N, C-alpha and C. Protein backbone atom coordinates (compact mmCIF):
# COMPACT_ATOMS: atom_id res chain seq x y z
N GLY A 1 -65.76 124.06 -51.53
CA GLY A 1 -64.92 124.10 -50.38
C GLY A 1 -63.58 124.73 -50.70
N VAL A 2 -62.77 124.79 -49.71
CA VAL A 2 -61.43 125.36 -49.82
C VAL A 2 -60.44 124.23 -50.04
N ALA A 3 -59.56 124.39 -51.03
CA ALA A 3 -58.55 123.38 -51.32
C ALA A 3 -57.52 123.34 -50.20
N ALA A 4 -57.14 122.15 -49.80
CA ALA A 4 -56.13 121.99 -48.75
C ALA A 4 -54.76 122.30 -49.31
N GLN A 5 -53.94 122.97 -48.51
CA GLN A 5 -52.57 123.28 -48.90
C GLN A 5 -51.62 122.51 -48.00
N ALA A 6 -50.48 122.17 -48.56
CA ALA A 6 -49.46 121.49 -47.77
C ALA A 6 -48.95 122.43 -46.69
N PRO A 7 -48.63 121.92 -45.51
CA PRO A 7 -48.09 122.79 -44.46
C PRO A 7 -46.74 123.36 -44.85
N ILE A 8 -46.45 124.55 -44.33
CA ILE A 8 -45.17 125.19 -44.55
C ILE A 8 -44.31 124.90 -43.33
N SER A 9 -43.11 124.44 -43.55
CA SER A 9 -42.21 124.12 -42.45
C SER A 9 -41.07 125.13 -42.43
N VAL A 10 -40.81 125.69 -41.26
CA VAL A 10 -39.73 126.65 -41.10
C VAL A 10 -38.75 126.07 -40.09
N SER A 11 -37.50 126.00 -40.48
CA SER A 11 -36.47 125.50 -39.57
C SER A 11 -35.39 126.57 -39.44
N VAL A 12 -35.42 127.29 -38.33
CA VAL A 12 -34.46 128.36 -38.08
C VAL A 12 -33.96 128.23 -36.65
N VAL A 13 -32.79 128.79 -36.39
CA VAL A 13 -32.25 128.78 -35.04
C VAL A 13 -32.77 130.00 -34.30
N GLY A 14 -33.37 129.78 -33.17
CA GLY A 14 -33.86 130.89 -32.38
C GLY A 14 -35.19 130.57 -31.73
N LEU A 15 -35.75 131.58 -31.11
CA LEU A 15 -36.98 131.47 -30.35
C LEU A 15 -38.05 132.31 -31.02
N ALA A 16 -39.18 131.69 -31.37
CA ALA A 16 -40.28 132.45 -31.97
C ALA A 16 -40.79 133.45 -30.94
N VAL A 17 -40.90 134.70 -31.35
CA VAL A 17 -41.30 135.77 -30.44
C VAL A 17 -42.76 135.62 -30.02
N GLU A 18 -43.63 135.36 -30.96
CA GLU A 18 -45.06 135.23 -30.71
C GLU A 18 -45.64 134.29 -31.73
N GLN A 19 -46.94 134.17 -31.71
CA GLN A 19 -47.63 133.41 -32.74
C GLN A 19 -47.53 134.15 -34.06
N LEU A 20 -47.95 133.48 -35.12
CA LEU A 20 -47.96 134.12 -36.43
C LEU A 20 -48.91 135.31 -36.43
N VAL A 21 -48.57 136.32 -37.23
CA VAL A 21 -49.50 137.40 -37.53
C VAL A 21 -49.74 137.38 -39.03
N PHE A 22 -50.93 137.81 -39.44
CA PHE A 22 -51.31 137.76 -40.84
C PHE A 22 -51.65 139.15 -41.35
N THR A 23 -51.19 139.45 -42.57
CA THR A 23 -51.56 140.69 -43.23
C THR A 23 -52.81 140.43 -44.08
N GLU A 24 -53.41 141.49 -44.60
CA GLU A 24 -54.65 141.37 -45.36
C GLU A 24 -54.53 140.45 -46.57
N ASP A 25 -53.33 140.36 -47.15
CA ASP A 25 -53.17 139.51 -48.33
C ASP A 25 -52.99 138.03 -47.98
N GLY A 26 -53.07 137.70 -46.68
CA GLY A 26 -52.98 136.31 -46.25
C GLY A 26 -51.57 135.84 -45.94
N THR A 27 -50.58 136.71 -46.10
CA THR A 27 -49.20 136.33 -45.78
C THR A 27 -49.04 136.26 -44.26
N ALA A 28 -48.41 135.20 -43.80
CA ALA A 28 -48.12 135.04 -42.38
C ALA A 28 -46.71 135.53 -42.10
N TYR A 29 -46.50 136.11 -40.93
CA TYR A 29 -45.18 136.58 -40.51
C TYR A 29 -44.88 136.03 -39.13
N VAL A 30 -43.60 135.70 -38.92
CA VAL A 30 -43.14 135.25 -37.61
C VAL A 30 -41.79 135.91 -37.34
N ALA A 31 -41.58 136.32 -36.09
CA ALA A 31 -40.30 136.89 -35.68
C ALA A 31 -39.57 135.85 -34.83
N VAL A 32 -38.30 135.63 -35.14
CA VAL A 32 -37.48 134.65 -34.43
C VAL A 32 -36.24 135.36 -33.89
N SER A 33 -35.98 135.18 -32.59
CA SER A 33 -34.84 135.84 -31.95
C SER A 33 -33.86 134.84 -31.37
N THR A 34 -32.58 135.21 -31.38
CA THR A 34 -31.59 134.48 -30.60
C THR A 34 -31.55 135.18 -29.25
N PRO A 35 -31.79 134.47 -28.16
CA PRO A 35 -31.90 135.10 -26.85
C PRO A 35 -30.57 135.59 -26.28
N PHE A 36 -30.67 136.53 -25.35
CA PHE A 36 -29.51 136.99 -24.60
C PHE A 36 -28.95 135.82 -23.80
N GLY A 37 -27.63 135.78 -23.65
CA GLY A 37 -27.01 134.78 -22.80
C GLY A 37 -26.80 133.42 -23.43
N THR A 38 -27.04 133.28 -24.73
CA THR A 38 -26.84 131.98 -25.39
C THR A 38 -25.45 131.84 -25.97
N GLY A 39 -24.70 132.92 -25.98
CA GLY A 39 -23.38 132.90 -26.60
C GLY A 39 -23.42 133.29 -28.07
N ASP A 40 -24.61 133.26 -28.67
CA ASP A 40 -24.76 133.69 -30.05
C ASP A 40 -25.03 135.19 -30.08
N GLU A 41 -24.77 135.80 -31.23
CA GLU A 41 -25.08 137.22 -31.41
C GLU A 41 -26.60 137.40 -31.32
N VAL A 42 -27.04 138.35 -30.50
CA VAL A 42 -28.47 138.62 -30.37
C VAL A 42 -28.96 139.30 -31.64
N LYS A 43 -30.03 138.76 -32.20
CA LYS A 43 -30.65 139.37 -33.38
C LYS A 43 -32.07 138.85 -33.48
N THR A 44 -32.88 139.57 -34.23
CA THR A 44 -34.24 139.13 -34.52
C THR A 44 -34.44 139.17 -36.02
N VAL A 45 -34.98 138.09 -36.55
CA VAL A 45 -35.26 137.99 -37.98
C VAL A 45 -36.76 137.80 -38.14
N VAL A 46 -37.37 138.58 -39.05
CA VAL A 46 -38.78 138.43 -39.37
C VAL A 46 -38.88 137.70 -40.70
N TYR A 47 -39.67 136.62 -40.71
CA TYR A 47 -39.86 135.82 -41.92
C TYR A 47 -41.29 135.95 -42.40
N ALA A 48 -41.45 136.00 -43.74
CA ALA A 48 -42.75 135.95 -44.38
C ALA A 48 -42.99 134.53 -44.86
N LEU A 49 -44.16 133.98 -44.56
CA LEU A 49 -44.50 132.63 -44.96
C LEU A 49 -45.69 132.68 -45.91
N SER A 50 -45.52 132.10 -47.07
CA SER A 50 -46.61 132.06 -48.05
C SER A 50 -46.64 130.67 -48.66
N ALA A 51 -47.61 130.43 -49.52
CA ALA A 51 -47.73 129.12 -50.17
C ALA A 51 -46.49 128.79 -50.99
N SER A 52 -45.76 129.82 -51.43
CA SER A 52 -44.57 129.57 -52.25
C SER A 52 -43.30 129.37 -51.43
N GLY A 53 -43.37 129.57 -50.11
CA GLY A 53 -42.19 129.32 -49.28
C GLY A 53 -41.98 130.36 -48.21
N VAL A 54 -40.74 130.43 -47.73
CA VAL A 54 -40.35 131.32 -46.63
C VAL A 54 -39.36 132.34 -47.15
N THR A 55 -39.59 133.62 -46.82
CA THR A 55 -38.72 134.71 -47.25
C THR A 55 -38.32 135.54 -46.04
N LYS A 56 -37.04 135.86 -45.94
CA LYS A 56 -36.57 136.75 -44.87
C LYS A 56 -37.03 138.16 -45.20
N ALA A 57 -37.83 138.74 -44.31
CA ALA A 57 -38.37 140.08 -44.54
C ALA A 57 -37.48 141.16 -43.95
N ALA A 58 -36.89 140.89 -42.79
CA ALA A 58 -36.06 141.90 -42.12
C ALA A 58 -35.20 141.24 -41.06
N GLN A 59 -34.08 141.89 -40.75
CA GLN A 59 -33.22 141.44 -39.65
C GLN A 59 -32.80 142.65 -38.84
N PHE A 60 -32.89 142.51 -37.52
CA PHE A 60 -32.51 143.58 -36.60
C PHE A 60 -31.42 143.03 -35.68
N ASP A 61 -30.19 143.49 -35.89
CA ASP A 61 -29.06 143.03 -35.10
C ASP A 61 -29.07 143.68 -33.71
N ASP A 62 -28.53 142.96 -32.74
CA ASP A 62 -28.42 143.45 -31.36
C ASP A 62 -29.77 143.78 -30.73
N ALA A 63 -30.84 143.14 -31.20
CA ALA A 63 -32.17 143.43 -30.66
C ALA A 63 -32.95 142.13 -30.51
N PHE A 64 -33.61 141.97 -29.36
CA PHE A 64 -34.45 140.81 -29.10
C PHE A 64 -35.90 141.21 -29.32
N GLY A 65 -36.59 140.48 -30.18
CA GLY A 65 -37.98 140.79 -30.47
C GLY A 65 -38.89 140.41 -29.32
N VAL A 66 -39.82 141.29 -28.99
CA VAL A 66 -40.77 140.99 -27.92
C VAL A 66 -42.21 141.06 -28.38
N GLY A 67 -42.46 141.47 -29.61
CA GLY A 67 -43.83 141.51 -30.11
C GLY A 67 -43.88 141.89 -31.57
N LEU A 68 -44.67 141.16 -32.35
CA LEU A 68 -44.88 141.45 -33.77
C LEU A 68 -46.36 141.67 -33.97
N ASN A 69 -46.72 142.80 -34.57
CA ASN A 69 -48.13 143.15 -34.75
C ASN A 69 -48.37 143.76 -36.11
N VAL A 70 -49.63 143.70 -36.55
CA VAL A 70 -50.04 144.36 -37.78
C VAL A 70 -50.97 145.50 -37.39
N GLY A 71 -50.62 146.71 -37.82
CA GLY A 71 -51.45 147.87 -37.52
C GLY A 71 -52.72 147.89 -38.35
N THR A 72 -53.63 148.77 -38.00
CA THR A 72 -54.90 148.87 -38.73
C THR A 72 -54.72 149.29 -40.18
N ASN A 73 -53.57 149.91 -40.47
CA ASN A 73 -53.28 150.31 -41.85
C ASN A 73 -52.50 149.23 -42.60
N GLY A 74 -52.28 148.05 -41.97
CA GLY A 74 -51.57 146.95 -42.61
C GLY A 74 -50.07 146.96 -42.40
N THR A 75 -49.54 147.98 -41.71
CA THR A 75 -48.10 148.06 -41.46
C THR A 75 -47.69 147.05 -40.40
N LEU A 76 -46.57 146.36 -40.64
CA LEU A 76 -46.01 145.43 -39.66
C LEU A 76 -45.11 146.19 -38.70
N TYR A 77 -45.29 145.94 -37.40
CA TYR A 77 -44.47 146.58 -36.37
C TYR A 77 -43.83 145.49 -35.50
N LEU A 78 -42.55 145.65 -35.21
CA LEU A 78 -41.84 144.75 -34.32
C LEU A 78 -41.33 145.55 -33.14
N THR A 79 -41.71 145.16 -31.94
CA THR A 79 -41.18 145.76 -30.72
C THR A 79 -39.95 144.97 -30.31
N THR A 80 -38.85 145.68 -30.04
CA THR A 80 -37.60 145.02 -29.68
C THR A 80 -37.03 145.59 -28.39
N ALA A 81 -36.21 144.78 -27.75
CA ALA A 81 -35.46 145.21 -26.57
C ALA A 81 -33.97 145.09 -26.89
N THR A 82 -33.22 146.11 -26.52
CA THR A 82 -31.78 146.12 -26.74
C THR A 82 -31.10 146.30 -25.38
N LEU A 83 -30.08 145.48 -25.12
CA LEU A 83 -29.37 145.54 -23.85
C LEU A 83 -28.13 146.40 -23.97
N ASP A 84 -27.99 147.37 -23.06
CA ASP A 84 -26.75 148.12 -22.92
C ASP A 84 -25.92 147.36 -21.89
N GLU A 85 -24.93 146.62 -22.37
CA GLU A 85 -24.17 145.74 -21.47
C GLU A 85 -23.38 146.51 -20.42
N ALA A 86 -22.97 147.73 -20.73
CA ALA A 86 -22.19 148.52 -19.77
C ALA A 86 -23.03 148.88 -18.54
N SER A 87 -24.29 149.27 -18.78
CA SER A 87 -25.14 149.69 -17.66
C SER A 87 -26.09 148.59 -17.19
N GLY A 88 -26.27 147.55 -18.02
CA GLY A 88 -27.19 146.48 -17.67
C GLY A 88 -28.65 146.85 -17.84
N THR A 89 -28.91 147.92 -18.60
CA THR A 89 -30.29 148.36 -18.80
C THR A 89 -30.75 148.04 -20.22
N PHE A 90 -32.07 147.94 -20.36
CA PHE A 90 -32.67 147.67 -21.66
C PHE A 90 -33.35 148.93 -22.19
N SER A 91 -33.37 149.06 -23.51
CA SER A 91 -34.18 150.09 -24.15
C SER A 91 -35.13 149.38 -25.10
N THR A 92 -36.31 149.93 -25.26
CA THR A 92 -37.35 149.34 -26.10
C THR A 92 -37.59 150.23 -27.30
N SER A 93 -37.72 149.60 -28.46
CA SER A 93 -37.98 150.34 -29.70
C SER A 93 -39.11 149.65 -30.45
N VAL A 94 -39.86 150.44 -31.21
CA VAL A 94 -40.85 149.90 -32.13
C VAL A 94 -40.33 150.16 -33.53
N ARG A 95 -40.20 149.10 -34.31
CA ARG A 95 -39.60 149.20 -35.64
C ARG A 95 -40.61 148.80 -36.70
N VAL A 96 -40.56 149.46 -37.83
CA VAL A 96 -41.42 149.11 -38.96
C VAL A 96 -40.73 148.03 -39.76
N VAL A 97 -41.48 146.99 -40.11
CA VAL A 97 -40.98 145.90 -40.95
C VAL A 97 -41.58 146.08 -42.34
N THR A 98 -40.71 146.24 -43.33
CA THR A 98 -41.18 146.38 -44.70
C THR A 98 -41.32 144.99 -45.32
N PRO A 99 -42.51 144.63 -45.78
CA PRO A 99 -42.68 143.31 -46.38
C PRO A 99 -41.79 143.15 -47.61
N PRO A 100 -41.35 141.92 -47.88
CA PRO A 100 -40.53 141.69 -49.08
C PRO A 100 -41.32 142.03 -50.33
N SER A 101 -40.62 142.48 -51.37
CA SER A 101 -41.30 142.88 -52.61
C SER A 101 -41.89 141.69 -53.35
N SER A 102 -41.31 140.51 -53.15
CA SER A 102 -41.88 139.32 -53.78
C SER A 102 -41.77 138.16 -52.81
N LEU A 103 -42.77 137.29 -52.87
CA LEU A 103 -42.79 136.12 -51.97
C LEU A 103 -42.71 134.86 -52.78
């Protein structure tokens, strides 16, 4: 059978963008954003979760994450929305997330 592992607990301030996504090596990733209108600086942080703990993989300032996906080639992609406060309009970007070199 498969050995049971202790659960990994993540305590961060923000809103999880989506459910976890997993890369081929079994590493889980989650994107957490501070929402617009909270008074905090808007940003999205992507965390890598492994049996050894939690590692910050990337941070995107002034951007709210709306989707985290793994491409067929294993590349992590984060879709973000950025607000132009002067015009009140949003722009959407797809950003590549580089996994941390060590977990």
